[in-house]
Amino acid sequence: MTNQQLCCPKFDPQVWDGKEFNWDNKLFLKDRVLSVFHMPLNFGQVIVKNMEKIGKAGAQNIDNLMISDENSMWGSDVYIAVDKDVPSAKMAKISGTFLAKVFEGEYREIGNWIKQMEEFVVSKGKASKKLYFYYTTCPKCAKIYGKNYVVLLAEI
């Protein structure tokens, strides 16, 4: 497979792992993904639809950042970082301080990763208010790269 067939840029875990980020009204396009017991049903469709909206608006997806708020067994809110408002899309701004930790492996490990993330936050003398998931590449690109990185972001 050639680089032209890759839709996701190669992820550099060093940019995120163990780092603290401060967001002040960071702009996102917000949408909803349907799930069954946290397994997404229409994630790809939602992302493709919104990337088309972003392109038509002349906006840019900042750093390929798409985070998920797994707030229900039946769905999650997906936030796509953008550099400007996108007409006909729901927009959201997120502010806060976040600790990031990078994990690599199969999604079935997410429960262990959440536990490790909470331990990491406590080891920094902090408390987690909310947890977001940054799925860094689509399954196709993760297979090509040979790594499936997921970043957990704890709002502290």
Protein backbone atom coordinates (compact mmCIF):
# COMPACT_ATOMS: atom_id res chain seq x y z
CA MET A 1 0.00 0.00 0.00
CA THR A 2 1.36 3.43 -0.91
CA ASN A 3 1.35 6.56 1.22
CA GLN A 4 -1.43 7.97 -0.99
CA GLN A 5 -3.69 5.17 0.27
CA LEU A 6 -3.07 6.11 3.90
CA CYS A 7 -5.70 8.42 5.31
CA CYS A 8 -4.04 8.96 8.70
CA PRO A 9 -0.61 10.51 9.26
CA LYS A 10 1.89 8.44 11.23
CA PHE A 11 1.47 9.14 14.93
CA ASP A 12 4.44 10.20 17.08
CA PRO A 13 3.74 9.07 20.66
CA GLN A 14 6.54 11.25 22.10
CA VAL A 15 4.51 14.37 21.33
CA TRP A 16 1.75 13.20 23.71
CA ASP A 17 3.04 10.63 26.20
CA GLY A 18 3.24 11.96 29.74
CA LYS A 19 2.62 15.54 28.63
CA GLU A 20 0.33 18.16 30.10
CA PHE A 21 -1.79 20.33 27.80
CA ASN A 22 -3.69 23.51 28.54
CA TRP A 23 -6.61 24.23 26.24
CA ASP A 24 -8.31 27.61 26.29
CA ASN A 25 -11.53 27.44 24.27
CA LYS A 26 -10.01 24.91 21.84
CA LEU A 27 -12.42 24.71 18.93
CA PHE A 28 -13.99 21.41 17.87
CA LEU A 29 -16.69 20.22 15.55
CA LYS A 30 -18.92 17.99 17.68
CA ASP A 31 -21.04 15.02 16.60
CA ARG A 32 -22.49 11.83 18.03
CA VAL A 33 -21.56 8.21 17.28
CA LEU A 34 -23.99 5.40 18.00
CA SER A 35 -22.64 2.45 20.00
CA VAL A 36 -23.68 -0.83 21.55
CA PHE A 37 -21.82 -1.45 24.82
CA HIS A 38 -19.21 1.15 23.74
CA MET A 39 -18.59 -0.58 20.38
CA PRO A 40 -19.11 2.13 17.73
CA LEU A 41 -21.57 1.37 14.95
CA ASN A 42 -21.17 4.37 12.66
CA PHE A 43 -17.83 5.97 13.62
CA GLY A 44 -16.43 5.91 10.07
CA GLN A 45 -19.59 7.38 8.56
CA VAL A 46 -19.68 10.19 11.13
CA ILE A 47 -16.01 11.06 10.55
CA VAL A 48 -16.28 10.98 6.73
CA LYS A 49 -19.42 13.17 6.81
CA ASN A 50 -17.76 15.71 9.09
CA MET A 51 -14.44 15.75 7.24
CA GLU A 52 -16.42 16.64 4.10
CA LYS A 53 -18.10 19.50 5.98
CA ILE A 54 -14.70 20.67 7.25
CA GLY A 55 -13.27 20.60 3.72
CA LYS A 56 -16.24 22.47 2.21
CA ALA A 57 -15.87 25.15 4.87
CA GLY A 58 -12.19 25.60 4.06
CA ALA A 59 -11.34 24.63 7.61
CA GLN A 60 -8.48 22.39 8.72
CA ASN A 61 -8.46 19.47 11.14
CA ILE A 62 -5.77 20.53 13.61
CA ASP A 63 -3.06 17.88 14.16
CA ASN A 64 -5.45 15.10 13.04
CA LEU A 65 -6.94 15.41 16.56
CA MET A 66 -10.26 13.65 17.08
CA ILE A 67 -11.25 12.87 20.65
CA SER A 68 -14.13 10.83 21.96
CA ASP A 69 -16.15 11.26 25.13
CA GLU A 70 -17.41 7.73 25.86
CA ASN A 71 -20.31 9.08 27.91
CA SER A 72 -22.75 6.21 27.34
CA MET A 73 -22.80 2.52 26.49
CA TRP A 74 -25.04 3.54 23.59
CA GLY A 75 -23.02 6.36 22.08
CA SER A 76 -20.19 8.80 22.39
CA ASP A 77 -19.57 12.41 21.54
CA VAL A 78 -16.81 12.88 18.98
CA TYR A 79 -14.84 16.13 18.81
CA ILE A 80 -12.76 17.02 15.74
CA ALA A 81 -10.27 19.85 16.32
CA VAL A 82 -10.69 22.60 13.72
CA ASP A 83 -9.19 26.00 13.04
CA LYS A 84 -12.50 27.80 12.41
CA ASP A 85 -16.27 27.40 12.65
CA VAL A 86 -17.86 24.95 10.23
CA PRO A 87 -21.31 26.00 8.95
CA SER A 88 -24.12 23.46 9.46
CA ALA A 89 -22.11 21.65 12.14
CA LYS A 90 -22.42 21.71 15.89
CA MET A 91 -19.37 23.44 17.34
CA ALA A 92 -17.90 23.13 20.83
CA LYS A 93 -15.06 24.70 22.77
CA ILE A 94 -13.10 22.79 25.37
CA SER A 95 -11.01 24.44 28.05
CA GLY A 96 -8.95 22.84 30.76
CA THR A 97 -5.71 21.20 31.74
CA PHE A 98 -5.18 17.65 30.52
CA LEU A 99 -2.66 14.93 31.26
CA ALA A 100 -1.98 12.60 28.33
CA LYS A 101 -0.74 9.03 28.31
CA VAL A 102 -0.17 6.94 25.19
CA PHE A 103 -1.16 3.28 25.01
CA GLU A 104 -0.55 0.78 22.23
CA GLY A 105 -2.45 -2.40 21.52
CA GLU A 106 -5.89 -3.78 20.86
CA TYR A 107 -9.01 -1.89 21.90
CA ARG A 108 -10.02 -4.74 24.19
CA GLU A 109 -7.31 -3.44 26.56
CA ILE A 110 -9.17 -0.16 27.13
CA GLY A 111 -10.28 -1.17 30.65
CA ASN A 112 -6.67 -1.79 31.67
CA TRP A 113 -5.61 1.47 30.03
CA ILE A 114 -8.24 3.42 31.98
CA LYS A 115 -6.94 1.91 35.23
CA GLN A 116 -3.32 2.71 34.29
CA MET A 117 -4.37 6.25 33.34
CA GLU A 118 -6.02 6.82 36.71
CA GLU A 119 -2.87 5.53 38.45
CA PHE A 120 -0.77 7.88 36.31
CA VAL A 121 -2.95 10.88 37.22
CA VAL A 122 -2.73 10.03 40.94
CA SER A 123 1.05 9.59 40.66
CA LYS A 124 1.20 13.21 39.49
CA GLY A 125 -0.74 14.33 42.59
CA LYS A 126 -3.82 15.16 40.53
CA ALA A 127 -7.43 14.01 40.29
CA SER A 128 -9.21 13.19 37.05
CA LYS A 129 -12.45 15.07 36.31
CA LYS A 130 -13.17 13.60 32.88
CA LEU A 131 -11.54 11.22 30.43
CA TYR A 132 -11.28 11.58 26.65
CA PHE A 133 -9.96 9.06 24.13
CA TYR A 134 -7.84 10.06 21.13
CA TYR A 135 -7.87 7.25 18.59
CA THR A 136 -4.83 8.31 16.59
CA THR A 137 -5.37 6.29 13.41
CA CYS A 138 -8.15 4.38 11.72
CA PRO A 139 -7.96 0.57 11.88
CA LYS A 140 -6.69 0.34 8.27
CA CYS A 141 -3.80 2.74 8.85
CA ALA A 142 -2.99 1.21 12.26
CA LYS A 143 -2.61 -2.16 10.54
CA ILE A 144 -0.30 -0.66 7.89
CA TYR A 145 1.83 1.16 10.47
CA GLY A 146 1.88 -1.91 12.71
CA LYS A 147 0.90 0.10 15.79
CA ASN A 148 -2.49 1.00 17.23
CA TYR A 149 -1.91 3.99 19.48
CA VAL A 150 -4.63 5.41 21.71
CA VAL A 151 -4.08 8.50 23.86
CA LEU A 152 -6.07 8.90 27.03
CA LEU A 153 -6.55 12.51 28.06
CA ALA A 154 -7.53 13.14 31.67
CA GLU A 155 -8.92 16.54 32.48
CA ILE A 156 -7.40 17.50 35.81
